[in-house]
Amino acid sequence: MPQKISSRQHEILEQLLENRTGLSVDALAAVLDISRTAVQQHFVALEGEGYIKKTASNKTAGRPVAIYGITDKGINYFPKQYAWFAELIVSDLQEGMGEEAFGAYMQRLGGKLADKLKAQFVGKAPDGRLRQLLRIMAELGFQVQQEIDVEAQQPVIKARNCIYHDVARQYPALCQFDLALMSSLLAKEVQQLGCMAKGDCVCRFRIGKD
């Protein structure tokens, strides 16, 4: 499990984000007014998690000095707000295409992504395909788990979050992307039972029978 970033480590990442050529232990200790030992301990933790890396070694007063820089993972640690841009694009597309055509377009997009991922599903049994889909959804940012619909005796995917919730509330046809992706990768019909964008507590997708 990834280590939680402390307030001090957050400050270190902020400094490295601002100084993209990198900083030494001594430089950070001076800026943050903490000991070199404390900075080194934080560096060990941050480097172990992949947030920073050694980028160079300079010589100062005859001794080598390691320079550390922020990694892509470190940059992505800081939150980004894409919802406004996604909403602008989706709004323009649906306005130009109409809601029905836009829904069909989202289905095609979901199918295109599935085509790129299908190699990961080759040779897998149905249970293995479902587990792989859950892993992919988690990588996309969904908080997902598998359940069983007791009445229908069919597996259900429950997502406790929607990665484009704000946009989907205004443009529910976005859900067609998820449905097309799931059904294509599982090679089964997928039925949406609940949708957070429509006011439900979670998104639920029931997987059809063989």
Protein backbone atom coordinates (compact mmCIF):
# COMPACT_ATOMS: atom_id res chain seq x y z
CA MET A 1 0.00 0.00 0.00
CA PRO A 2 1.40 3.45 -0.94
CA GLN A 3 2.69 5.50 1.95
CA LYS A 4 0.64 8.51 3.00
CA ILE A 5 2.36 11.78 2.21
CA SER A 6 3.08 13.83 5.34
CA SER A 7 2.77 17.62 5.44
CA ARG A 8 6.57 17.94 5.42
CA GLN A 9 6.91 15.58 2.44
CA HIS A 10 4.22 17.63 0.70
CA GLU A 11 6.40 20.72 1.23
CA ILE A 12 9.41 18.90 -0.21
CA LEU A 13 7.46 17.93 -3.31
CA GLU A 14 6.25 21.52 -3.68
CA GLN A 15 9.85 22.75 -3.59
CA LEU A 16 10.95 20.18 -6.17
CA LEU A 17 7.96 21.04 -8.35
CA GLU A 18 9.02 24.69 -8.28
CA ASN A 19 12.71 23.88 -8.83
CA ARG A 20 12.53 21.45 -11.74
CA THR A 21 16.32 21.23 -12.14
CA GLY A 22 16.45 19.55 -8.73
CA LEU A 23 17.64 20.36 -5.22
CA SER A 24 20.15 18.90 -2.82
CA VAL A 25 19.54 17.78 0.74
CA ASP A 26 21.36 20.86 2.03
CA ALA A 27 19.32 23.22 -0.14
CA LEU A 28 16.03 21.76 1.05
CA ALA A 29 17.16 21.72 4.67
CA ALA A 30 17.92 25.44 4.40
CA VAL A 31 14.65 26.32 2.66
CA LEU A 32 12.48 24.31 5.05
CA ASP A 33 14.58 25.09 8.14
CA ILE A 34 14.94 21.45 9.17
CA SER A 35 17.93 19.18 9.66
CA ARG A 36 19.74 17.34 6.88
CA THR A 37 18.91 14.08 8.62
CA ALA A 38 15.19 14.87 8.51
CA VAL A 39 15.38 15.71 4.80
CA GLN A 40 17.30 12.49 4.09
CA GLN A 41 14.67 10.43 5.91
CA HIS A 42 11.90 12.03 3.88
CA PHE A 43 13.93 11.49 0.69
CA VAL A 44 14.21 7.78 1.43
CA ALA A 45 10.44 7.49 1.80
CA LEU A 46 9.62 9.61 -1.24
CA GLU A 47 12.18 7.89 -3.45
CA GLY A 48 10.92 4.50 -2.33
CA GLU A 49 7.42 5.46 -3.43
CA GLY A 50 8.69 6.79 -6.75
CA TYR A 51 7.84 10.45 -6.15
CA ILE A 52 11.44 11.67 -6.48
CA LYS A 53 14.70 10.38 -7.96
CA LYS A 54 18.36 11.31 -8.02
CA THR A 55 19.00 13.27 -11.19
CA ALA A 56 22.65 14.31 -10.85
CA SER A 57 25.69 14.50 -8.61
CA ASN A 58 27.59 17.77 -8.28
CA LYS A 59 30.88 18.33 -6.51
CA THR A 60 30.97 20.98 -3.83
CA ALA A 61 34.10 21.59 -1.73
CA GLY A 62 35.55 18.33 -2.96
CA ARG A 63 32.63 16.08 -2.07
CA PRO A 64 29.82 14.81 -4.31
CA VAL A 65 26.38 16.26 -3.68
CA ALA A 66 23.31 14.37 -4.90
CA ILE A 67 20.64 16.39 -6.67
CA TYR A 68 17.07 15.12 -6.47
CA GLY A 69 14.22 15.95 -8.79
CA ILE A 70 10.51 15.26 -8.87
CA THR A 71 9.23 12.40 -11.06
CA ASP A 72 6.09 12.23 -13.18
CA LYS A 73 4.43 10.36 -10.33
CA GLY A 74 5.41 13.18 -8.00
CA ILE A 75 3.94 15.76 -10.36
CA ASN A 76 0.73 13.76 -10.63
CA TYR A 77 0.47 13.69 -6.84
CA PHE A 78 -0.80 17.26 -7.05
CA PRO A 79 -4.50 17.46 -7.92
CA LYS A 80 -5.58 18.54 -11.38
CA GLN A 81 -8.97 19.84 -12.41
CA TYR A 82 -9.99 18.60 -15.86
CA ALA A 83 -13.77 18.58 -15.33
CA TRP A 84 -14.33 22.02 -16.86
CA PHE A 85 -12.42 21.08 -20.02
CA ALA A 86 -14.17 17.71 -20.33
CA GLU A 87 -17.53 19.42 -19.88
CA LEU A 88 -16.68 21.93 -22.61
CA ILE A 89 -15.81 19.16 -25.07
CA VAL A 90 -18.78 16.96 -24.17
CA SER A 91 -21.18 19.90 -24.38
CA ASP A 92 -19.93 20.85 -27.83
CA LEU A 93 -20.09 17.27 -29.09
CA GLN A 94 -23.61 16.59 -27.86
CA GLU A 95 -24.85 19.96 -29.12
CA GLY A 96 -23.49 19.23 -32.57
CA MET A 97 -24.48 15.56 -32.74
CA GLY A 98 -27.64 15.34 -30.69
CA GLU A 99 -28.03 13.17 -27.58
CA GLU A 100 -28.79 9.90 -29.36
CA ALA A 101 -25.87 10.18 -31.77
CA PHE A 102 -23.61 11.25 -28.91
CA GLY A 103 -24.57 8.11 -26.96
CA ALA A 104 -23.67 5.98 -29.98
CA TYR A 105 -20.37 7.85 -30.25
CA MET A 106 -19.53 7.07 -26.62
CA GLN A 107 -20.29 3.41 -27.30
CA ARG A 108 -17.81 3.45 -30.18
CA LEU A 109 -15.17 5.07 -27.96
CA GLY A 110 -15.67 2.41 -25.31
CA GLY A 111 -15.30 -0.25 -27.96
CA LYS A 112 -12.10 1.32 -29.28
CA LEU A 113 -10.53 1.32 -25.82
CA ALA A 114 -11.62 -2.29 -25.35
CA ASP A 115 -9.89 -3.23 -28.62
CA LYS A 116 -6.62 -1.85 -27.23
CA LEU A 117 -7.01 -3.85 -24.01
CA LYS A 118 -8.30 -7.16 -25.35
CA ALA A 119 -4.85 -8.74 -25.48
CA GLN A 120 -4.91 -8.80 -21.67
CA PHE A 121 -8.03 -11.00 -21.77
CA VAL A 122 -6.96 -13.61 -24.28
CA GLY A 123 -7.18 -17.15 -22.90
CA LYS A 124 -8.75 -16.11 -19.60
CA ALA A 125 -11.77 -17.88 -18.14
CA PRO A 126 -14.85 -15.73 -17.32
CA ASP A 127 -13.77 -15.23 -13.70
CA GLY A 128 -10.29 -14.23 -14.83
CA ARG A 129 -11.69 -11.77 -17.36
CA LEU A 130 -13.81 -10.17 -14.65
CA ARG A 131 -10.84 -9.84 -12.28
CA GLN A 132 -8.77 -8.28 -15.05
CA LEU A 133 -11.57 -5.80 -15.81
CA LEU A 134 -11.71 -4.81 -12.14
CA ARG A 135 -7.95 -4.19 -12.18
CA ILE A 136 -8.25 -2.02 -15.28
CA MET A 137 -11.12 -0.02 -13.80
CA ALA A 138 -9.09 0.53 -10.62
CA GLU A 139 -6.19 1.82 -12.74
CA LEU A 140 -8.61 4.23 -14.43
CA GLY A 141 -9.55 5.61 -11.02
CA PHE A 142 -12.69 3.68 -10.11
CA GLN A 143 -13.15 2.34 -6.56
CA VAL A 144 -14.67 -1.00 -7.52
CA GLN A 145 -15.57 -4.33 -6.01
CA GLN A 146 -17.37 -7.46 -7.12
CA GLU A 147 -20.66 -8.59 -5.61
CA ILE A 148 -23.31 -11.16 -6.39
CA ASP A 149 -26.88 -10.37 -7.29
CA VAL A 150 -28.49 -12.92 -4.99
CA GLU A 151 -31.82 -12.98 -6.81
CA ALA A 152 -30.37 -13.34 -10.31
CA GLN A 153 -27.23 -15.21 -9.19
CA GLN A 154 -25.10 -13.06 -11.45
CA PRO A 155 -21.94 -11.07 -10.69
CA VAL A 156 -22.26 -7.33 -10.16
CA ILE A 157 -19.57 -4.67 -10.37
CA LYS A 158 -20.11 -1.91 -7.81
CA ALA A 159 -18.27 1.39 -8.25
CA ARG A 160 -18.28 3.68 -5.22
CA ASN A 161 -17.18 6.65 -7.32
CA CYS A 162 -17.57 7.99 -10.85
CA ILE A 163 -14.40 9.36 -12.42
CA TYR A 164 -16.40 11.89 -14.45
CA HIS A 165 -19.30 12.39 -12.06
CA ASP A 166 -19.84 16.13 -12.54
CA VAL A 167 -19.90 15.83 -16.33
CA ALA A 168 -22.03 12.65 -16.34
CA ARG A 169 -24.72 14.36 -14.26
CA GLN A 170 -25.33 16.76 -17.14
CA TYR A 171 -24.61 14.29 -19.95
CA PRO A 172 -25.76 10.79 -18.85
CA ALA A 173 -24.95 9.37 -22.30
CA LEU A 174 -21.34 9.20 -21.04
CA CYS A 175 -22.32 6.00 -19.25
CA GLN A 176 -22.53 4.31 -22.65
CA PHE A 177 -18.73 4.40 -22.70
CA ASP A 178 -18.50 2.27 -19.55
CA LEU A 179 -21.13 -0.18 -20.72
CA ALA A 180 -19.45 -0.67 -24.10
CA LEU A 181 -16.03 -1.12 -22.48
CA MET A 182 -17.26 -3.70 -19.97
CA SER A 183 -19.43 -5.70 -22.34
CA SER A 184 -16.74 -5.82 -25.01
CA LEU A 185 -13.97 -6.96 -22.65
CA LEU A 186 -16.17 -9.54 -20.91
CA ALA A 187 -17.88 -10.64 -24.14
CA LYS A 188 -21.17 -10.50 -22.23
CA GLU A 189 -24.13 -8.21 -21.94
CA VAL A 190 -23.75 -5.69 -19.11
CA GLN A 191 -26.78 -4.00 -17.56
CA GLN A 192 -26.53 -0.80 -15.53
CA LEU A 193 -28.58 -1.13 -12.34
CA GLY A 194 -27.56 2.09 -10.60
CA CYS A 195 -25.88 5.36 -11.53
CA MET A 196 -24.43 7.98 -9.20
CA ALA A 197 -24.93 10.64 -11.86
CA LYS A 198 -28.67 9.94 -11.62
CA GLY A 199 -28.76 10.16 -7.85
CA ASP A 200 -27.95 6.60 -6.76
CA CYS A 201 -25.43 5.99 -3.97
CA VAL A 202 -23.20 3.84 -6.19
CA CYS A 203 -22.91 2.73 -9.81
CA ARG A 204 -23.83 -0.94 -10.24
CA PHE A 205 -23.38 -3.08 -13.34
CA ARG A 206 -24.79 -6.61 -13.59
CA ILE A 207 -22.89 -9.05 -15.79
CA GLY A 208 -25.05 -11.23 -18.03
CA LYS A 209 -24.97 -15.00 -18.08
CA ASP A 210 -22.90 -17.05 -20.51
